[in-house]
Amino acid sequence: MQGILYEESTVWLFLLVTVVMGGWMAWMIGRGIALGWRPYWQAVLSLLLLGIAVRFIHHALFEGSFLSPHYYVVDTIVLLVIGSAGYRATRARQMTTQYRWLYERSGPLSWRAKAAG
């Protein structure tokens, strides 16, 4: 997997920087955008910028390449998945708590209209 997902000498650096640190930031970005009732595209734009920040952390701390389109795409896809999950989880909670007479949870990331009656 080295060379495909990460360029560092060990997978643990990729997991630490991209998945743990970047993933936490991505979740919080998705959550923050949803809490402000802003549209999803703003979360995507913010997560694309976060991908640049994560690449910089790889570069500055672990001598990874900063201007690598391949690793930027890999990191950003991971961040988009985690950030989107944070956005959807928060939006599902919002819709089912603020509009409890209209919607009910249908999963951790979704909601549905309540049955009439």
N, C-alpha and C. Protein backbone atom coordinates (compact mmCIF):
# COMPACT_ATOMS: atom_id res chain seq x y z
N MET A 1 0.82 -1.20 0.00
CA MET A 1 0.00 0.00 0.00
C MET A 1 0.86 1.26 0.00
N GLN A 2 2.12 1.11 0.46
CA GLN A 2 2.99 2.28 0.44
C GLN A 2 3.19 2.68 -1.01
N GLY A 3 3.11 3.94 -1.26
CA GLY A 3 3.20 4.46 -2.62
C GLY A 3 1.84 4.68 -3.26
N ILE A 4 0.82 4.00 -2.75
CA ILE A 4 -0.52 4.19 -3.27
C ILE A 4 -1.32 5.10 -2.34
N LEU A 5 -1.38 4.73 -1.05
CA LEU A 5 -2.12 5.53 -0.09
C LEU A 5 -1.25 6.51 0.67
N TYR A 6 0.00 6.17 0.90
CA TYR A 6 0.86 7.03 1.70
C TYR A 6 2.29 6.92 1.18
N GLU A 7 3.07 7.97 1.45
CA GLU A 7 4.44 7.99 0.99
C GLU A 7 5.46 7.85 2.11
N GLU A 8 5.02 7.95 3.35
CA GLU A 8 5.92 7.84 4.48
C GLU A 8 6.42 6.41 4.63
N SER A 9 7.37 6.23 5.52
CA SER A 9 7.97 4.92 5.69
C SER A 9 7.05 3.91 6.36
N THR A 10 6.03 4.38 7.04
CA THR A 10 5.11 3.48 7.74
C THR A 10 3.67 3.97 7.60
N VAL A 11 2.75 3.04 7.65
CA VAL A 11 1.33 3.38 7.53
C VAL A 11 0.84 4.16 8.74
N TRP A 12 1.52 4.01 9.89
CA TRP A 12 1.08 4.68 11.11
C TRP A 12 1.11 6.18 10.99
N LEU A 13 2.05 6.74 10.22
CA LEU A 13 2.08 8.19 10.02
C LEU A 13 0.87 8.65 9.21
N PHE A 14 0.52 7.87 8.20
CA PHE A 14 -0.68 8.19 7.41
C PHE A 14 -1.92 8.13 8.29
N LEU A 15 -2.02 7.08 9.09
CA LEU A 15 -3.19 6.94 9.96
C LEU A 15 -3.25 8.07 10.99
N LEU A 16 -2.11 8.44 11.56
CA LEU A 16 -2.09 9.50 12.55
C LEU A 16 -2.47 10.84 11.95
N VAL A 17 -1.79 11.24 10.89
CA VAL A 17 -2.00 12.58 10.34
C VAL A 17 -3.30 12.68 9.56
N THR A 18 -3.53 11.77 8.63
CA THR A 18 -4.69 11.90 7.75
C THR A 18 -5.97 11.41 8.40
N VAL A 19 -5.93 10.22 8.98
CA VAL A 19 -7.18 9.64 9.49
C VAL A 19 -7.54 10.19 10.87
N VAL A 20 -6.59 10.22 11.79
CA VAL A 20 -6.93 10.66 13.15
C VAL A 20 -7.01 12.18 13.24
N MET A 21 -5.89 12.86 12.98
CA MET A 21 -5.88 14.33 13.11
C MET A 21 -6.75 15.00 12.04
N GLY A 22 -6.52 14.65 10.78
CA GLY A 22 -7.31 15.23 9.70
C GLY A 22 -8.75 14.81 9.76
N GLY A 23 -9.00 13.55 10.13
CA GLY A 23 -10.37 13.06 10.24
C GLY A 23 -11.15 13.78 11.32
N TRP A 24 -10.50 14.04 12.45
CA TRP A 24 -11.18 14.80 13.51
C TRP A 24 -11.52 16.20 13.02
N MET A 25 -10.56 16.84 12.35
CA MET A 25 -10.84 18.19 11.83
C MET A 25 -11.95 18.14 10.77
N ALA A 26 -11.93 17.12 9.92
CA ALA A 26 -12.96 16.98 8.89
C ALA A 26 -14.34 16.78 9.52
N TRP A 27 -14.42 15.93 10.55
CA TRP A 27 -15.70 15.70 11.23
C TRP A 27 -16.21 17.02 11.82
N MET A 28 -15.33 17.77 12.45
CA MET A 28 -15.73 19.03 13.07
C MET A 28 -16.13 20.07 12.02
N ILE A 29 -15.47 20.07 10.88
CA ILE A 29 -15.87 20.98 9.79
C ILE A 29 -17.27 20.61 9.31
N GLY A 30 -17.50 19.34 9.04
CA GLY A 30 -18.83 18.89 8.59
C GLY A 30 -19.89 19.21 9.62
N ARG A 31 -19.59 18.98 10.87
CA ARG A 31 -20.52 19.27 11.95
C ARG A 31 -20.81 20.76 12.05
N GLY A 32 -19.77 21.57 11.97
CA GLY A 32 -19.94 23.02 12.08
C GLY A 32 -20.75 23.61 10.94
N ILE A 33 -20.51 23.13 9.74
CA ILE A 33 -21.28 23.60 8.57
C ILE A 33 -22.74 23.21 8.74
N ALA A 34 -23.00 21.99 9.18
CA ALA A 34 -24.38 21.54 9.38
C ALA A 34 -25.07 22.32 10.50
N LEU A 35 -24.35 22.57 11.60
CA LEU A 35 -24.95 23.31 12.71
C LEU A 35 -25.35 24.72 12.31
N GLY A 36 -24.63 25.29 11.36
CA GLY A 36 -24.97 26.63 10.86
C GLY A 36 -26.03 26.61 9.78
N TRP A 37 -26.59 25.42 9.49
CA TRP A 37 -27.62 25.24 8.46
C TRP A 37 -27.14 25.71 7.10
N ARG A 38 -25.84 25.60 6.87
CA ARG A 38 -25.28 25.98 5.58
C ARG A 38 -25.32 24.80 4.63
N PRO A 39 -25.26 25.05 3.33
CA PRO A 39 -25.37 23.96 2.35
C PRO A 39 -24.12 23.08 2.33
N TYR A 40 -24.29 21.87 1.81
CA TYR A 40 -23.23 20.87 1.79
C TYR A 40 -22.02 21.32 0.98
N TRP A 41 -22.23 22.08 -0.09
CA TRP A 41 -21.10 22.48 -0.92
C TRP A 41 -20.08 23.30 -0.13
N GLN A 42 -20.52 24.00 0.89
CA GLN A 42 -19.57 24.75 1.72
C GLN A 42 -18.69 23.79 2.54
N ALA A 43 -19.25 22.69 2.94
CA ALA A 43 -18.44 21.68 3.63
C ALA A 43 -17.41 21.09 2.67
N VAL A 44 -17.82 20.81 1.44
CA VAL A 44 -16.88 20.26 0.45
C VAL A 44 -15.74 21.24 0.20
N LEU A 45 -16.05 22.50 0.03
CA LEU A 45 -15.02 23.51 -0.20
C LEU A 45 -14.05 23.59 0.98
N SER A 46 -14.58 23.57 2.18
CA SER A 46 -13.74 23.60 3.38
C SER A 46 -12.88 22.36 3.50
N LEU A 47 -13.42 21.21 3.14
CA LEU A 47 -12.65 19.98 3.22
C LEU A 47 -11.55 19.92 2.15
N LEU A 48 -11.79 20.53 1.01
CA LEU A 48 -10.73 20.63 0.00
C LEU A 48 -9.57 21.47 0.52
N LEU A 49 -9.87 22.53 1.22
CA LEU A 49 -8.82 23.35 1.83
C LEU A 49 -8.12 22.60 2.96
N LEU A 50 -8.87 21.81 3.70
CA LEU A 50 -8.27 21.00 4.76
C LEU A 50 -7.29 19.98 4.18
N GLY A 51 -7.58 19.50 2.98
CA GLY A 51 -6.66 18.57 2.32
C GLY A 51 -5.29 19.20 2.10
N ILE A 52 -5.27 20.48 1.78
CA ILE A 52 -4.01 21.20 1.62
C ILE A 52 -3.29 21.30 2.96
N ALA A 53 -4.03 21.57 4.02
CA ALA A 53 -3.42 21.67 5.35
C ALA A 53 -2.84 20.33 5.79
N VAL A 54 -3.53 19.25 5.51
CA VAL A 54 -3.02 17.92 5.88
C VAL A 54 -1.76 17.60 5.09
N ARG A 55 -1.74 17.96 3.81
CA ARG A 55 -0.52 17.74 3.02
C ARG A 55 0.64 18.55 3.60
N PHE A 56 0.35 19.76 4.07
CA PHE A 56 1.41 20.57 4.67
C PHE A 56 1.95 19.92 5.94
N ILE A 57 1.08 19.34 6.74
CA ILE A 57 1.53 18.66 7.96
C ILE A 57 2.42 17.48 7.60
N HIS A 58 2.03 16.72 6.58
CA HIS A 58 2.88 15.61 6.12
C HIS A 58 4.25 16.15 5.69
N HIS A 59 4.24 17.26 4.99
CA HIS A 59 5.49 17.85 4.49
C HIS A 59 6.34 18.42 5.61
N ALA A 60 5.75 19.18 6.48
CA ALA A 60 6.51 19.90 7.51
C ALA A 60 7.03 18.97 8.61
N LEU A 61 6.27 17.99 8.99
CA LEU A 61 6.67 17.14 10.11
C LEU A 61 7.36 15.85 9.70
N PHE A 62 7.00 15.31 8.55
CA PHE A 62 7.49 13.98 8.18
C PHE A 62 8.18 13.94 6.83
N GLU A 63 8.55 15.09 6.29
CA GLU A 63 9.29 15.21 5.03
C GLU A 63 8.56 14.58 3.84
N GLY A 64 7.26 14.64 3.86
CA GLY A 64 6.48 14.18 2.72
C GLY A 64 6.44 15.26 1.65
N SER A 65 5.98 14.90 0.47
CA SER A 65 5.89 15.90 -0.59
C SER A 65 4.63 16.75 -0.38
N PHE A 66 4.80 18.05 -0.55
CA PHE A 66 3.67 18.97 -0.35
C PHE A 66 2.85 19.12 -1.61
N LEU A 67 3.50 19.22 -2.75
CA LEU A 67 2.80 19.49 -4.01
C LEU A 67 2.61 18.22 -4.83
N SER A 68 2.13 17.18 -4.20
CA SER A 68 1.88 15.92 -4.88
C SER A 68 0.38 15.78 -5.13
N PRO A 69 -0.06 15.88 -6.39
CA PRO A 69 -1.49 15.75 -6.66
C PRO A 69 -2.05 14.38 -6.24
N HIS A 70 -1.27 13.33 -6.42
CA HIS A 70 -1.73 11.99 -6.07
C HIS A 70 -2.07 11.88 -4.58
N TYR A 71 -1.14 12.28 -3.72
CA TYR A 71 -1.37 12.15 -2.28
C TYR A 71 -2.38 13.17 -1.78
N TYR A 72 -2.48 14.32 -2.44
CA TYR A 72 -3.52 15.28 -2.09
C TYR A 72 -4.90 14.67 -2.32
N VAL A 73 -5.05 14.00 -3.45
CA VAL A 73 -6.34 13.36 -3.77
C VAL A 73 -6.66 12.26 -2.77
N VAL A 74 -5.67 11.45 -2.42
CA VAL A 74 -5.89 10.37 -1.45
C VAL A 74 -6.31 10.95 -0.10
N ASP A 75 -5.54 11.92 0.39
CA ASP A 75 -5.87 12.53 1.67
C ASP A 75 -7.24 13.20 1.64
N THR A 76 -7.54 13.90 0.57
CA THR A 76 -8.79 14.64 0.47
C THR A 76 -9.99 13.71 0.37
N ILE A 77 -9.84 12.57 -0.29
CA ILE A 77 -10.95 11.60 -0.34
C ILE A 77 -11.26 11.09 1.06
N VAL A 78 -10.22 10.76 1.83
CA VAL A 78 -10.43 10.31 3.21
C VAL A 78 -11.14 11.40 4.01
N LEU A 79 -10.69 12.65 3.86
CA LEU A 79 -11.29 13.76 4.60
C LEU A 79 -12.73 14.01 4.16
N LEU A 80 -13.01 13.88 2.86
CA LEU A 80 -14.37 14.08 2.37
C LEU A 80 -15.33 13.02 2.91
N VAL A 81 -14.86 11.79 3.00
CA VAL A 81 -15.72 10.73 3.54
C VAL A 81 -16.05 11.00 5.01
N ILE A 82 -15.03 11.31 5.80
CA ILE A 82 -15.25 11.55 7.23
C ILE A 82 -16.05 12.83 7.45
N GLY A 83 -15.71 13.90 6.73
CA GLY A 83 -16.43 15.18 6.87
C GLY A 83 -17.89 15.07 6.43
N SER A 84 -18.13 14.31 5.36
CA SER A 84 -19.51 14.12 4.90
C SER A 84 -20.32 13.34 5.93
N ALA A 85 -19.69 12.36 6.56
CA ALA A 85 -20.38 11.60 7.61
C ALA A 85 -20.72 12.52 8.79
N GLY A 86 -19.80 13.40 9.15
CA GLY A 86 -20.07 14.35 10.22
C GLY A 86 -21.21 15.30 9.88
N TYR A 87 -21.22 15.74 8.63
CA TYR A 87 -22.29 16.63 8.16
C TYR A 87 -23.64 15.93 8.22
N ARG A 88 -23.70 14.70 7.67
CA ARG A 88 -24.97 13.98 7.61
C ARG A 88 -25.47 13.57 9.00
N ALA A 89 -24.55 13.15 9.88
CA ALA A 89 -24.96 12.76 11.23
C ALA A 89 -25.55 13.96 11.97
N THR A 90 -24.91 15.11 11.82
CA THR A 90 -25.41 16.32 12.49
C THR A 90 -26.73 16.77 11.88
N ARG A 91 -26.83 16.73 10.56
CA ARG A 91 -28.07 17.15 9.90
C ARG A 91 -29.22 16.21 10.26
N ALA A 92 -28.96 14.92 10.34
CA ALA A 92 -30.00 13.97 10.72
C ALA A 92 -30.48 14.25 12.14
N ARG A 93 -29.55 14.55 13.04
CA ARG A 93 -29.94 14.87 14.42
C ARG A 93 -30.74 16.17 14.45
N GLN A 94 -30.32 17.17 13.68
CA GLN A 94 -31.05 18.44 13.64
C GLN A 94 -32.48 18.25 13.14
N MET A 95 -32.62 17.54 12.04
CA MET A 95 -33.93 17.39 11.44
C MET A 95 -34.89 16.62 12.35
N THR A 96 -34.36 15.66 13.09
CA THR A 96 -35.24 14.85 13.93
C THR A 96 -35.48 15.45 15.30
N THR A 97 -34.68 16.41 15.72
CA THR A 97 -34.94 17.06 17.00
C THR A 97 -35.71 18.36 16.82
N GLN A 98 -35.38 19.14 15.80
CA GLN A 98 -36.09 20.40 15.62
C GLN A 98 -37.44 20.23 14.93
N TYR A 99 -37.55 19.19 14.13
CA TYR A 99 -38.81 18.93 13.42
C TYR A 99 -39.30 17.53 13.77
N ARG A 100 -39.40 17.24 15.07
CA ARG A 100 -39.73 15.88 15.50
C ARG A 100 -41.14 15.47 15.09
N TRP A 101 -42.02 16.41 14.83
CA TRP A 101 -43.38 16.06 14.40
C TRP A 101 -43.42 15.69 12.92
N LEU A 102 -42.35 16.03 12.17
CA LEU A 102 -42.31 15.71 10.75
C LEU A 102 -41.40 14.53 10.41
N TYR A 103 -40.29 14.39 11.13
CA TYR A 103 -39.27 13.42 10.74
C TYR A 103 -38.88 12.51 11.88
N GLU A 104 -38.41 11.32 11.51
CA GLU A 104 -37.86 10.36 12.46
C GLU A 104 -36.56 9.79 11.88
N ARG A 105 -35.68 9.33 12.77
CA ARG A 105 -34.42 8.76 12.32
C ARG A 105 -34.66 7.46 11.59
N SER A 106 -33.95 7.28 10.50
CA SER A 106 -34.01 6.00 9.79
C SER A 106 -32.63 5.36 9.73
N GLY A 107 -31.68 5.95 10.42
CA GLY A 107 -30.32 5.44 10.48
C GLY A 107 -29.42 6.50 11.09
N PRO A 108 -28.17 6.21 11.28
CA PRO A 108 -27.29 7.19 11.89
C PRO A 108 -27.03 8.41 11.01
N LEU A 109 -27.20 8.28 9.70
CA LEU A 109 -26.92 9.39 8.79
C LEU A 109 -28.15 9.82 7.99
N SER A 110 -29.32 9.35 8.36
CA SER A 110 -30.49 9.68 7.54
C SER A 110 -31.75 9.84 8.40
N TRP A 111 -32.77 10.38 7.77
CA TRP A 111 -34.07 10.56 8.41
C TRP A 111 -35.14 10.37 7.35
N ARG A 112 -36.36 10.20 7.80
CA ARG A 112 -37.49 10.03 6.87
C ARG A 112 -38.72 10.72 7.45
N ALA A 113 -39.67 10.99 6.60
CA ALA A 113 -40.92 11.60 7.04
C ALA A 113 -41.70 10.60 7.88
N LYS A 114 -42.31 11.11 8.95
CA LYS A 114 -43.13 10.23 9.79
C LYS A 114 -44.38 9.82 9.03
N ALA A 115 -44.84 8.66 9.36
CA ALA A 115 -46.08 8.17 8.75
C ALA A 115 -47.25 8.99 9.27
N ALA A 116 -48.19 9.29 8.39
CA ALA A 116 -49.36 10.06 8.79
C ALA A 116 -50.20 9.25 9.77
N GLY A 117 -50.64 9.93 10.81
CA GLY A 117 -51.52 9.21 11.73
C GLY A 117 -51.22 9.45 13.10
